[in-house]
Amino acid sequence: LPWVATWVTWGDERYVPHDDPQSNYG
């Protein structure tokens, strides 16, 4: 897939550190 041309965002997030198990990004 064209990953080099892909940008990602998140519609929402739990307000936790990025390495928290609950983080959508993590």
PDB file of all heavy atoms in Angstrom:
ATOM      1  N   LEU A   1       0.838  -1.203   0.000  1.00  0.00           N
ATOM      2  CA  LEU A   1       0.000   0.000   0.000  1.00  0.00           C
ATOM      3  C   LEU A   1       0.876   1.257   0.000  1.00  0.00           C
ATOM      4  O   LEU A   1       2.037   1.213   0.410  1.00  0.00           O
ATOM      5  CB  LEU A   1      -0.928  -0.007   1.210  1.00  0.00           C
ATOM      6  CG  LEU A   1      -1.997  -1.111   1.218  1.00  0.00           C
ATOM      7  CD1 LEU A   1      -2.907  -0.968   2.429  1.00  0.00           C
ATOM      8  CD2 LEU A   1      -2.820  -1.084  -0.059  1.00  0.00           C
ATOM      9  N   PRO A   2       0.338   2.399  -0.448  1.00  0.00           N
ATOM     10  CA  PRO A   2       1.148   3.621  -0.569  1.00  0.00           C
ATOM     11  C   PRO A   2       1.387   4.314   0.768  1.00  0.00           C
ATOM     12  O   PRO A   2       0.982   5.466   0.982  1.00  0.00           O
ATOM     13  CB  PRO A   2       0.308   4.485  -1.527  1.00  0.00           C
ATOM     14  CG  PRO A   2      -1.101   4.082  -1.250  1.00  0.00           C
ATOM     15  CD  PRO A   2      -1.035   2.601  -0.989  1.00  0.00           C
ATOM     16  N   TRP A   3       2.085   3.629   1.657  1.00  0.00           N
ATOM     17  CA  TRP A   3       2.313   4.176   2.996  1.00  0.00           C
ATOM     18  C   TRP A   3       3.147   5.450   2.974  1.00  0.00           C
ATOM     19  O   TRP A   3       2.944   6.343   3.816  1.00  0.00           O
ATOM     20  CB  TRP A   3       2.986   3.131   3.875  1.00  0.00           C
ATOM     21  CG  TRP A   3       2.145   1.902   4.093  1.00  0.00           C
ATOM     22  CD1 TRP A   3       2.384   0.640   3.624  1.00  0.00           C
ATOM     23  CD2 TRP A   3       0.904   1.828   4.809  1.00  0.00           C
ATOM     24  NE1 TRP A   3       1.379  -0.221   4.017  1.00  0.00           N
ATOM     25  CE2 TRP A   3       0.455   0.485   4.743  1.00  0.00           C
ATOM     26  CE3 TRP A   3       0.132   2.756   5.508  1.00  0.00           C
ATOM     27  CZ2 TRP A   3      -0.717   0.052   5.343  1.00  0.00           C
ATOM     28  CZ3 TRP A   3      -1.044   2.336   6.107  1.00  0.00           C
ATOM     29  CH2 TRP A   3      -1.449   0.992   6.018  1.00  0.00           C
ATOM     30  N   VAL A   4       4.072   5.565   2.043  1.00  0.00           N
ATOM     31  CA  VAL A   4       4.931   6.750   2.020  1.00  0.00           C
ATOM     32  C   VAL A   4       4.141   8.012   1.718  1.00  0.00           C
ATOM     33  O   VAL A   4       4.603   9.119   2.017  1.00  0.00           O
ATOM     34  CB  VAL A   4       6.080   6.590   1.002  1.00  0.00           C
ATOM     35  CG1 VAL A   4       7.022   5.470   1.421  1.00  0.00           C
ATOM     36  CG2 VAL A   4       5.543   6.339  -0.410  1.00  0.00           C
ATOM     37  N   ALA A   5       2.956   7.846   1.132  1.00  0.00           N
ATOM     38  CA  ALA A   5       2.113   9.000   0.817  1.00  0.00           C
ATOM     39  C   ALA A   5       0.889   9.073   1.723  1.00  0.00           C
ATOM     40  O   ALA A   5      -0.055   9.796   1.433  1.00  0.00           O
ATOM     41  CB  ALA A   5       1.673   8.935  -0.647  1.00  0.00           C
ATOM     42  N   THR A   6       0.914   8.325   2.813  1.00  0.00           N
ATOM     43  CA  THR A   6      -0.223   8.273   3.730  1.00  0.00           C
ATOM     44  C   THR A   6       0.025   9.145   4.956  1.00  0.00           C
ATOM     45  O   THR A   6       1.106   9.127   5.541  1.00  0.00           O
ATOM     46  CB  THR A   6      -0.479   6.820   4.181  1.00  0.00           C
ATOM     47  OG1 THR A   6      -0.852   6.031   3.034  1.00  0.00           O
ATOM     48  CG2 THR A   6      -1.586   6.748   5.210  1.00  0.00           C
ATOM     49  N   TRP A   7      -0.991   9.905   5.328  1.00  0.00           N
ATOM     50  CA  TRP A   7      -0.978  10.711   6.544  1.00  0.00           C
ATOM     51  C   TRP A   7      -2.092  10.197   7.449  1.00  0.00           C
ATOM     52  O   TRP A   7      -3.172   9.850   6.966  1.00  0.00           O
ATOM     53  CB  TRP A   7      -1.255  12.183   6.226  1.00  0.00           C
ATOM     54  CG  TRP A   7      -0.188  12.864   5.425  1.00  0.00           C
ATOM     55  CD1 TRP A   7       0.242  12.552   4.173  1.00  0.00           C
ATOM     56  CD2 TRP A   7       0.579  13.992   5.832  1.00  0.00           C
ATOM     57  NE1 TRP A   7       1.227  13.409   3.764  1.00  0.00           N
ATOM     58  CE2 TRP A   7       1.453  14.313   4.769  1.00  0.00           C
ATOM     59  CE3 TRP A   7       0.610  14.777   6.990  1.00  0.00           C
ATOM     60  CZ2 TRP A   7       2.347  15.377   4.834  1.00  0.00           C
ATOM     61  CZ3 TRP A   7       1.492  15.839   7.062  1.00  0.00           C
ATOM     62  CH2 TRP A   7       2.351  16.121   5.992  1.00  0.00           C
ATOM     63  N   VAL A   8      -1.837  10.139   8.760  1.00  0.00           N
ATOM     64  CA  VAL A   8      -2.867   9.658   9.677  1.00  0.00           C
ATOM     65  C   VAL A   8      -3.103  10.639  10.815  1.00  0.00           C
ATOM     66  O   VAL A   8      -2.183  11.289  11.314  1.00  0.00           O
ATOM     67  CB  VAL A   8      -2.532   8.267  10.242  1.00  0.00           C
ATOM     68  CG1 VAL A   8      -2.534   7.217   9.138  1.00  0.00           C
ATOM     69  CG2 VAL A   8      -1.210   8.266  10.977  1.00  0.00           C
ATOM     70  N   THR A   9      -4.357  10.740  11.184  1.00  0.00           N
ATOM     71  CA  THR A   9      -4.800  11.534  12.328  1.00  0.00           C
ATOM     72  C   THR A   9      -5.772  10.656  13.118  1.00  0.00           C
ATOM     73  O   THR A   9      -6.093   9.539  12.709  1.00  0.00           O
ATOM     74  CB  THR A   9      -5.521  12.816  11.871  1.00  0.00           C
ATOM     75  OG1 THR A   9      -6.605  12.453  10.989  1.00  0.00           O
ATOM     76  CG2 THR A   9      -4.583  13.742  11.124  1.00  0.00           C
ATOM     77  N   TRP A  10      -6.239  11.171  14.252  1.00  0.00           N
ATOM     78  CA  TRP A  10      -7.212  10.434  15.068  1.00  0.00           C
ATOM     79  C   TRP A  10      -8.405  11.319  15.366  1.00  0.00           C
ATOM     80  O   TRP A  10      -8.253  12.472  15.752  1.00  0.00           O
ATOM     81  CB  TRP A  10      -6.578   9.971  16.381  1.00  0.00           C
ATOM     82  CG  TRP A  10      -5.767   8.725  16.197  1.00  0.00           C
ATOM     83  CD1 TRP A  10      -6.158   7.437  16.420  1.00  0.00           C
ATOM     84  CD2 TRP A  10      -4.427   8.646  15.691  1.00  0.00           C
ATOM     85  NE1 TRP A  10      -5.146   6.564  16.084  1.00  0.00           N
ATOM     86  CE2 TRP A  10      -4.068   7.281  15.640  1.00  0.00           C
ATOM     87  CE3 TRP A  10      -3.490   9.595  15.268  1.00  0.00           C
ATOM     88  CZ2 TRP A  10      -2.827   6.838  15.190  1.00  0.00           C
ATOM     89  CZ3 TRP A  10      -2.249   9.167  14.820  1.00  0.00           C
ATOM     90  CH2 TRP A  10      -1.934   7.800  14.788  1.00  0.00           C
ATOM     91  N   GLY A  11      -9.599  10.740  15.211  1.00  0.00           N
ATOM     92  CA  GLY A  11     -10.811  11.500  15.477  1.00  0.00           C
ATOM     93  C   GLY A  11     -10.991  11.838  16.936  1.00  0.00           C
ATOM     94  O   GLY A  11     -11.617  12.838  17.277  1.00  0.00           O
ATOM     95  N   ASP A  12     -10.416  11.007  17.814  1.00  0.00           N
ATOM     96  CA  ASP A  12     -10.482  11.322  19.238  1.00  0.00           C
ATOM     97  C   ASP A  12      -9.377  10.575  19.958  1.00  0.00           C
ATOM     98  O   ASP A  12      -8.698   9.714  19.384  1.00  0.00           O
ATOM     99  CB  ASP A  12     -11.852  10.967  19.821  1.00  0.00           C
ATOM    100  CG  ASP A  12     -12.024   9.466  20.043  1.00  0.00           C
ATOM    101  OD1 ASP A  12     -11.718   8.683  19.114  1.00  0.00           O
ATOM    102  OD2 ASP A  12     -12.452   9.069  21.136  1.00  0.00           O
ATOM    103  N   GLU A  13      -9.205  10.912  21.234  1.00  0.00           N
ATOM    104  CA  GLU A  13      -8.160  10.266  22.030  1.00  0.00           C
ATOM    105  C   GLU A  13      -8.514  10.349  23.502  1.00  0.00           C
ATOM    106  O   GLU A  13      -9.114  11.330  23.963  1.00  0.00           O
ATOM    107  CB  GLU A  13      -6.812  10.962  21.781  1.00  0.00           C
ATOM    108  CG  GLU A  13      -5.628  10.337  22.489  1.00  0.00           C
ATOM    109  CD  GLU A  13      -5.366   8.899  22.106  1.00  0.00           C
ATOM    110  OE1 GLU A  13      -6.062   8.022  22.673  1.00  0.00           O
ATOM    111  OE2 GLU A  13      -4.480   8.650  21.272  1.00  0.00           O
ATOM    112  N   ARG A  14      -8.168   9.305  24.226  1.00  0.00           N
ATOM    113  CA  ARG A  14      -8.214   9.367  25.686  1.00  0.00           C
ATOM    114  C   ARG A  14      -7.058  10.256  26.144  1.00  0.00           C
ATOM    115  O   ARG A  14      -5.971  10.175  25.577  1.00  0.00           O
ATOM    116  CB  ARG A  14      -8.096   7.968  26.273  1.00  0.00           C
ATOM    117  CG  ARG A  14      -9.258   7.049  25.901  1.00  0.00           C
ATOM    118  CD  ARG A  14      -8.984   5.629  26.354  1.00  0.00           C
ATOM    119  NE  ARG A  14     -10.118   4.764  26.109  1.00  0.00           N
ATOM    120  CZ  ARG A  14     -10.353   4.138  24.955  1.00  0.00           C
ATOM    121  NH1 ARG A  14      -9.502   4.303  23.938  1.00  0.00           N
ATOM    122  NH2 ARG A  14     -11.399   3.365  24.812  1.00  0.00           N
ATOM    123  N   TYR A  15      -7.304  11.074  27.167  1.00  0.00           N
ATOM    124  CA  TYR A  15      -6.240  11.989  27.570  1.00  0.00           C
ATOM    125  C   TYR A  15      -5.278  11.283  28.512  1.00  0.00           C
ATOM    126  O   TYR A  15      -5.290  11.460  29.742  1.00  0.00           O
ATOM    127  CB  TYR A  15      -6.815  13.264  28.194  1.00  0.00           C
ATOM    128  CG  TYR A  15      -5.816  14.397  28.093  1.00  0.00           C
ATOM    129  CD1 TYR A  15      -5.433  14.868  26.836  1.00  0.00           C
ATOM    130  CD2 TYR A  15      -5.219  14.951  29.221  1.00  0.00           C
ATOM    131  CE1 TYR A  15      -4.488  15.876  26.720  1.00  0.00           C
ATOM    132  CE2 TYR A  15      -4.276  15.957  29.105  1.00  0.00           C
ATOM    133  CZ  TYR A  15      -3.917  16.409  27.848  1.00  0.00           C
ATOM    134  OH  TYR A  15      -2.967  17.405  27.721  1.00  0.00           O
ATOM    135  N   VAL A  16      -4.442  10.445  27.891  1.00  0.00           N
ATOM    136  CA  VAL A  16      -3.453   9.632  28.603  1.00  0.00           C
ATOM    137  C   VAL A  16      -2.133   9.728  27.843  1.00  0.00           C
ATOM    138  O   VAL A  16      -2.111  10.127  26.670  1.00  0.00           O
ATOM    139  CB  VAL A  16      -3.901   8.159  28.695  1.00  0.00           C
ATOM    140  CG1 VAL A  16      -5.161   8.020  29.547  1.00  0.00           C
ATOM    141  CG2 VAL A  16      -4.120   7.568  27.301  1.00  0.00           C
ATOM    142  N   PRO A  17      -1.015   9.352  28.462  1.00  0.00           N
ATOM    143  CA  PRO A  17       0.255   9.341  27.728  1.00  0.00           C
ATOM    144  C   PRO A  17       0.183   8.441  26.499  1.00  0.00           C
ATOM    145  O   PRO A  17      -0.588   7.473  26.460  1.00  0.00           O
ATOM    146  CB  PRO A  17       1.249   8.790  28.768  1.00  0.00           C
ATOM    147  CG  PRO A  17       0.621   9.087  30.089  1.00  0.00           C
ATOM    148  CD  PRO A  17      -0.858   8.975  29.880  1.00  0.00           C
ATOM    149  N   HIS A  18       0.996   8.734  25.512  1.00  0.00           N
ATOM    150  CA  HIS A  18       0.962   7.977  24.265  1.00  0.00           C
ATOM    151  C   HIS A  18       1.336   6.515  24.430  1.00  0.00           C
ATOM    152  O   HIS A  18       0.947   5.679  23.611  1.00  0.00           O
ATOM    153  CB  HIS A  18       1.887   8.635  23.236  1.00  0.00           C
ATOM    154  CG  HIS A  18       1.380   9.952  22.767  1.00  0.00           C
ATOM    155  ND1 HIS A  18       2.184  10.878  22.124  1.00  0.00           N
ATOM    156  CD2 HIS A  18       0.155  10.541  22.848  1.00  0.00           C
ATOM    157  CE1 HIS A  18       1.475  11.950  21.823  1.00  0.00           C
ATOM    158  NE2 HIS A  18       0.246  11.782  22.252  1.00  0.00           N
ATOM    159  N   ASP A  19       2.076   6.187  25.490  1.00  0.00           N
ATOM    160  CA  ASP A  19       2.446   4.797  25.709  1.00  0.00           C
ATOM    161  C   ASP A  19       1.500   4.089  26.676  1.00  0.00           C
ATOM    162  O   ASP A  19       1.730   2.941  27.057  1.00  0.00           O
ATOM    163  CB  ASP A  19       3.883   4.685  26.216  1.00  0.00           C
ATOM    164  CG  ASP A  19       4.120   5.448  27.522  1.00  0.00           C
ATOM    165  OD1 ASP A  19       3.173   6.107  28.013  1.00  0.00           O
ATOM    166  OD2 ASP A  19       5.249   5.393  28.036  1.00  0.00           O
ATOM    167  N   ASP A  20       0.407   4.752  27.056  1.00  0.00           N
ATOM    168  CA  ASP A  20      -0.585   4.130  27.923  1.00  0.00           C
ATOM    169  C   ASP A  20      -1.373   3.086  27.135  1.00  0.00           C
ATOM    170  O   ASP A  20      -1.703   3.308  25.964  1.00  0.00           O
ATOM    171  CB  ASP A  20      -1.544   5.209  28.451  1.00  0.00           C
ATOM    172  CG  ASP A  20      -2.473   4.690  29.527  1.00  0.00           C
ATOM    173  OD1 ASP A  20      -3.402   3.922  29.186  1.00  0.00           O
ATOM    174  OD2 ASP A  20      -2.296   5.048  30.700  1.00  0.00           O
ATOM    175  N   PRO A  21      -1.684   1.936  27.724  1.00  0.00           N
ATOM    176  CA  PRO A  21      -2.440   0.906  27.006  1.00  0.00           C
ATOM    177  C   PRO A  21      -3.789   1.375  26.485  1.00  0.00           C
ATOM    178  O   PRO A  21      -4.326   0.778  25.535  1.00  0.00           O
ATOM    179  CB  PRO A  21      -2.623  -0.195  28.068  1.00  0.00           C
ATOM    180  CG  PRO A  21      -1.496   0.009  29.018  1.00  0.00           C
ATOM    181  CD  PRO A  21      -1.264   1.486  29.060  1.00  0.00           C
ATOM    182  N   GLN A  22      -4.346   2.450  27.053  1.00  0.00           N
ATOM    183  CA  GLN A  22      -5.640   2.948  26.603  1.00  0.00           C
ATOM    184  C   GLN A  22      -5.530   3.934  25.437  1.00  0.00           C
ATOM    185  O   GLN A  22      -6.553   4.329  24.869  1.00  0.00           O
ATOM    186  CB  GLN A  22      -6.366   3.624  27.755  1.00  0.00           C
ATOM    187  CG  GLN A  22      -6.739   2.695  28.890  1.00  0.00           C
ATOM    188  CD  GLN A  22      -7.628   3.391  29.890  1.00  0.00           C
ATOM    189  OE1 GLN A  22      -8.793   3.687  29.631  1.00  0.00           O
ATOM    190  NE2 GLN A  22      -7.072   3.690  31.045  1.00  0.00           N
ATOM    191  N   SER A  23      -4.333   4.339  25.084  1.00  0.00           N
ATOM    192  CA  SER A  23      -4.162   5.337  24.039  1.00  0.00           C
ATOM    193  C   SER A  23      -4.542   4.784  22.663  1.00  0.00           C
ATOM    194  O   SER A  23      -4.046   3.737  22.245  1.00  0.00           O
ATOM    195  CB  SER A  23      -2.700   5.805  24.003  1.00  0.00           C
ATOM    196  OG  SER A  23      -2.436   6.571  22.845  1.00  0.00           O
ATOM    197  N   ASN A  24      -5.401   5.493  21.963  1.00  0.00           N
ATOM    198  CA  ASN A  24      -5.755   5.090  20.593  1.00  0.00           C
ATOM    199  C   ASN A  24      -4.531   5.113  19.689  1.00  0.00           C
ATOM    200  O   ASN A  24      -4.336   4.206  18.867  1.00  0.00           O
ATOM    201  CB  ASN A  24      -6.837   6.023  20.032  1.00  0.00           C
ATOM    202  CG  ASN A  24      -8.180   5.834  20.699  1.00  0.00           C
ATOM    203  OD1 ASN A  24      -8.444   4.811  21.328  1.00  0.00           O
ATOM    204  ND2 ASN A  24      -9.036   6.837  20.591  1.00  0.00           N
ATOM    205  N   TYR A  25      -3.734   6.146  19.831  1.00  0.00           N
ATOM    206  CA  TYR A  25      -2.508   6.229  19.036  1.00  0.00           C
ATOM    207  C   TYR A  25      -1.559   5.090  19.370  1.00  0.00           C
ATOM    208  O   TYR A  25      -0.997   4.440  18.476  1.00  0.00           O
ATOM    209  CB  TYR A  25      -1.807   7.568  19.274  1.00  0.00           C
ATOM    210  CG  TYR A  25      -0.338   7.539  18.925  1.00  0.00           C
ATOM    211  CD1 TYR A  25       0.078   7.361  17.599  1.00  0.00           C
ATOM    212  CD2 TYR A  25       0.636   7.642  19.920  1.00  0.00           C
ATOM    213  CE1 TYR A  25       1.430   7.303  17.280  1.00  0.00           C
ATOM    214  CE2 TYR A  25       1.986   7.595  19.604  1.00  0.00           C
ATOM    215  CZ  TYR A  25       2.377   7.424  18.285  1.00  0.00           C
ATOM    216  OH  TYR A  25       3.706   7.349  17.972  1.00  0.00           O
ATOM    217  N   GLY A  26      -1.371   4.825  20.663  1.00  0.00           N
ATOM    218  CA  GLY A  26      -0.455   3.768  21.072  1.00  0.00           C
ATOM    219  C   GLY A  26      -0.860   2.414  20.513  1.00  0.00           C
ATOM    220  O   GLY A  26      -0.010   1.634  20.055  1.00  0.00           O
TER     221      GLY A  26
END
